[in-house]
Amino acid sequence: MTNSPETTGPDSSPASTAIEPSADAYERLAEPRSENRLALEAGVWHQISPKYVRVQVISTGSFLLVVVAATLVLALVMNQAWAWIPGGILTVILVWTLAILPRQARSIGYQLRDDDLVFRRGILWQRFVAVPYGRMQLVDITHGPLDRGFGIAQLKFVTAAAATGVVIPGLEQGTAETLRDHLVAVAESRRTGL
């Protein structure tokens, strides 16, 4: 499992995408333990960078600190006892989010197949989306200030059907650019019938 595909041309076959292991990748995709889970298909699953977890911990942790500070100011300084209820609920939700974040990140992956890209995420609520190369209309890379600081980006595919929009978060910047170029080349060749 790696997160650094290198392409040799617009051919989308898995054999044409050279994969070299990255030291900065998870060992394997995390899967639900239930026998009724959606099973992973055979093939090479690429994963996101562990830096994604750090960015999300900083972001969510900062929001948690703001919630705790606002709750304490309202409840203790301004004598607004009602602030404990929403503050407590938000604090529990944010702490739970931080606790499950590493496992959620390990469940995110994508696979380059002959005719489409398969995206997978989720442990409790699993999502598998296959995006045919010929249906991709836009491949977009975005990254915020924290993402840039850690060298990661997110890749977004847009198709004619809004429900099949896929966002792969936490890709290394170089991986995102290489994957974007590969997908644009393959999508263009599929649309023109080459």
Protein backbone atom coordinates (compact mmCIF):
# COMPACT_ATOMS: atom_id res chain seq x y z
CA MET A 1 0.00 0.00 0.00
CA THR A 2 1.46 3.27 -1.03
CA ASN A 3 0.42 6.78 -1.78
CA SER A 4 2.81 7.67 -4.58
CA PRO A 5 1.72 6.49 -8.02
CA GLU A 6 4.03 7.29 -10.89
CA THR A 7 2.55 7.20 -14.34
CA THR A 8 4.20 6.39 -17.62
CA GLY A 9 1.47 7.71 -19.90
CA PRO A 10 -2.24 7.95 -20.34
CA ASP A 11 -2.71 4.18 -20.16
CA SER A 12 -4.78 3.58 -17.03
CA SER A 13 -4.07 -0.09 -16.54
CA PRO A 14 -2.68 -0.96 -13.12
CA ALA A 15 0.35 -2.50 -14.83
CA SER A 16 1.22 0.87 -16.36
CA THR A 17 1.24 2.62 -12.99
CA ALA A 18 4.56 1.94 -11.30
CA ILE A 19 4.21 1.77 -7.53
CA GLU A 20 7.06 2.33 -5.18
CA PRO A 21 6.53 1.86 -1.45
CA SER A 22 6.57 4.99 0.66
CA ALA A 23 7.90 5.06 4.21
CA ASP A 24 5.23 7.66 5.01
CA ALA A 25 2.22 5.41 4.32
CA TYR A 26 0.08 3.17 6.46
CA GLU A 27 0.73 -0.58 6.26
CA ARG A 28 -2.76 -1.48 5.08
CA LEU A 29 -6.31 -0.18 4.84
CA ALA A 30 -8.35 -0.48 8.01
CA GLU A 31 -11.48 -2.55 7.48
CA PRO A 32 -14.55 -3.21 9.59
CA ARG A 33 -14.40 -6.51 11.47
CA SER A 34 -17.94 -7.57 10.60
CA GLU A 35 -18.46 -10.43 8.16
CA ASN A 36 -21.12 -8.29 6.45
CA ARG A 37 -18.68 -5.55 5.49
CA LEU A 38 -18.00 -4.44 1.94
CA ALA A 39 -14.90 -6.46 1.09
CA LEU A 40 -11.87 -4.86 -0.54
CA GLU A 41 -11.20 -5.97 -4.08
CA ALA A 42 -7.89 -7.48 -5.10
CA GLY A 43 -5.32 -5.06 -6.41
CA VAL A 44 -3.12 -2.27 -5.12
CA TRP A 45 -4.86 0.12 -2.74
CA HIS A 46 -3.16 3.48 -2.31
CA GLN A 47 -3.54 5.31 0.98
CA ILE A 48 -3.43 8.85 2.23
CA SER A 49 -0.56 10.34 4.19
CA PRO A 50 -0.48 10.07 8.00
CA LYS A 51 0.15 13.83 7.95
CA TYR A 52 -3.59 14.16 7.30
CA VAL A 53 -4.26 12.98 10.87
CA ARG A 54 -1.89 15.62 12.27
CA VAL A 55 -3.62 18.37 10.29
CA GLN A 56 -7.05 17.21 11.44
CA VAL A 57 -5.90 16.91 15.08
CA ILE A 58 -4.57 20.48 14.99
CA SER A 59 -7.73 21.78 13.34
CA THR A 60 -10.21 19.91 15.53
CA GLY A 61 -8.09 20.44 18.65
CA SER A 62 -8.03 24.19 18.06
CA PHE A 63 -11.80 24.25 17.73
CA LEU A 64 -12.08 22.15 20.91
CA LEU A 65 -9.96 24.70 22.80
CA VAL A 66 -12.20 27.54 21.58
CA VAL A 67 -15.32 25.64 22.68
CA VAL A 68 -13.86 24.90 26.13
CA ALA A 69 -12.67 28.49 26.58
CA ALA A 70 -16.03 29.94 25.50
CA THR A 71 -17.88 27.55 27.81
CA LEU A 72 -15.69 28.46 30.77
CA VAL A 73 -16.00 32.19 30.13
CA LEU A 74 -19.78 32.02 29.76
CA ALA A 75 -20.33 29.70 32.73
CA LEU A 76 -17.80 30.96 35.25
CA VAL A 77 -17.18 34.60 34.39
CA MET A 78 -20.61 35.61 33.09
CA ASN A 79 -22.58 33.23 35.38
CA GLN A 80 -24.48 31.66 32.50
CA ALA A 81 -25.13 28.12 33.76
CA TRP A 82 -26.87 27.11 30.50
CA ALA A 83 -23.47 27.23 28.73
CA TRP A 84 -22.44 23.93 30.35
CA ILE A 85 -24.97 21.96 28.29
CA PRO A 86 -24.00 22.97 24.72
CA GLY A 87 -20.35 23.27 25.74
CA GLY A 88 -20.37 19.77 27.21
CA ILE A 89 -22.12 18.28 24.20
CA LEU A 90 -19.70 19.91 21.75
CA THR A 91 -16.73 18.86 23.87
CA VAL A 92 -17.84 15.20 23.92
CA ILE A 93 -18.42 15.21 20.14
CA LEU A 94 -15.02 16.80 19.43
CA VAL A 95 -13.14 14.46 21.79
CA TRP A 96 -14.89 11.46 20.16
CA THR A 97 -13.94 12.82 16.73
CA LEU A 98 -10.29 13.10 17.80
CA ALA A 99 -10.35 9.57 19.24
CA ILE A 100 -11.61 7.89 16.04
CA LEU A 101 -9.69 10.10 13.60
CA PRO A 102 -6.63 7.80 13.15
CA ARG A 103 -8.77 4.77 12.32
CA GLN A 104 -10.91 6.81 9.93
CA ALA A 105 -7.79 8.00 8.12
CA ARG A 106 -6.51 4.43 7.75
CA SER A 107 -9.79 3.44 6.09
CA ILE A 108 -9.40 5.94 3.23
CA GLY A 109 -7.92 4.58 0.03
CA TYR A 110 -8.18 4.47 -3.73
CA GLN A 111 -7.40 1.97 -6.44
CA LEU A 112 -6.55 2.66 -10.10
CA ARG A 113 -8.24 0.03 -12.24
CA ASP A 114 -8.39 -0.47 -16.03
CA ASP A 115 -11.56 1.56 -16.60
CA ASP A 116 -12.14 3.51 -13.40
CA LEU A 117 -10.83 4.77 -10.09
CA VAL A 118 -12.36 3.19 -6.97
CA PHE A 119 -12.46 5.31 -3.82
CA ARG A 120 -13.12 3.79 -0.42
CA ARG A 121 -13.65 5.31 3.02
CA GLY A 122 -15.38 4.59 6.29
CA ILE A 123 -15.57 1.98 9.00
CA LEU A 124 -19.15 2.24 10.30
CA TRP A 125 -20.59 3.96 7.24
CA GLN A 126 -18.62 2.49 4.36
CA ARG A 127 -18.53 4.18 0.99
CA PHE A 128 -17.19 2.67 -2.22
CA VAL A 129 -17.36 4.86 -5.33
CA ALA A 130 -16.15 3.85 -8.79
CA VAL A 131 -15.53 6.86 -11.06
CA PRO A 132 -15.10 5.90 -14.74
CA TYR A 133 -12.17 7.73 -16.31
CA GLY A 134 -14.25 8.84 -19.29
CA ARG A 135 -16.84 10.50 -17.02
CA MET A 136 -14.40 12.75 -15.17
CA GLN A 137 -15.01 16.37 -16.08
CA LEU A 138 -12.75 18.10 -13.59
CA VAL A 139 -9.86 17.05 -11.39
CA ASP A 140 -9.07 19.71 -8.80
CA ILE A 141 -6.32 20.02 -6.18
CA THR A 142 -6.96 22.16 -3.11
CA HIS A 143 -5.04 22.74 0.09
CA GLY A 144 -5.38 25.18 2.96
CA PRO A 145 -2.65 26.82 5.02
CA LEU A 146 -2.26 23.85 7.38
CA ASP A 147 -2.23 21.43 4.45
CA ARG A 148 0.51 23.45 2.74
CA GLY A 149 2.52 23.52 5.97
CA PHE A 150 2.45 19.73 6.14
CA GLY A 151 2.84 19.21 2.38
CA ILE A 152 -0.51 17.55 1.71
CA ALA A 153 -3.46 18.33 -0.54
CA GLN A 154 -6.87 16.99 -1.44
CA LEU A 155 -7.86 15.83 -4.89
CA LYS A 156 -11.44 16.28 -6.06
CA PHE A 157 -13.09 14.62 -9.07
CA VAL A 158 -16.23 16.11 -10.54
CA THR A 159 -18.47 14.14 -12.88
CA ALA A 160 -21.79 14.95 -14.51
CA ALA A 161 -23.60 13.31 -11.59
CA ALA A 162 -23.14 15.43 -8.48
CA ALA A 163 -23.61 12.43 -6.17
CA THR A 164 -20.46 10.75 -7.49
CA GLY A 165 -18.14 13.62 -6.64
CA VAL A 166 -15.14 12.17 -4.84
CA VAL A 167 -12.65 13.97 -2.62
CA ILE A 168 -9.45 12.16 -1.64
CA PRO A 169 -7.99 14.06 1.33
CA GLY A 170 -4.47 13.91 2.70
CA LEU A 171 -2.45 13.11 -0.41
CA GLU A 172 1.19 14.15 -0.52
CA GLN A 173 1.50 17.23 -2.73
CA GLY A 174 3.61 15.45 -5.36
CA THR A 175 1.30 12.44 -5.37
CA ALA A 176 -1.75 14.67 -5.85
CA GLU A 177 -0.14 16.44 -8.81
CA THR A 178 1.01 13.18 -10.42
CA LEU A 179 -2.38 11.57 -9.92
CA ARG A 180 -4.16 14.64 -11.32
CA ASP A 181 -2.01 14.66 -14.44
CA HIS A 182 -2.50 10.91 -14.90
CA LEU A 183 -6.28 11.11 -14.48
CA VAL A 184 -6.61 14.09 -16.84
CA ALA A 185 -4.59 12.29 -19.52
CA VAL A 186 -6.55 9.06 -19.15
CA ALA A 187 -9.90 10.86 -19.04
CA GLU A 188 -9.06 12.83 -22.17
CA SER A 189 -8.00 9.70 -24.06
CA ARG A 190 -11.17 7.87 -22.99
CA ARG A 191 -13.43 10.75 -24.05
CA THR A 192 -11.80 11.00 -27.48
CA GLY A 193 -11.83 7.21 -27.94
CA LEU A 194 -8.06 6.84 -28.29
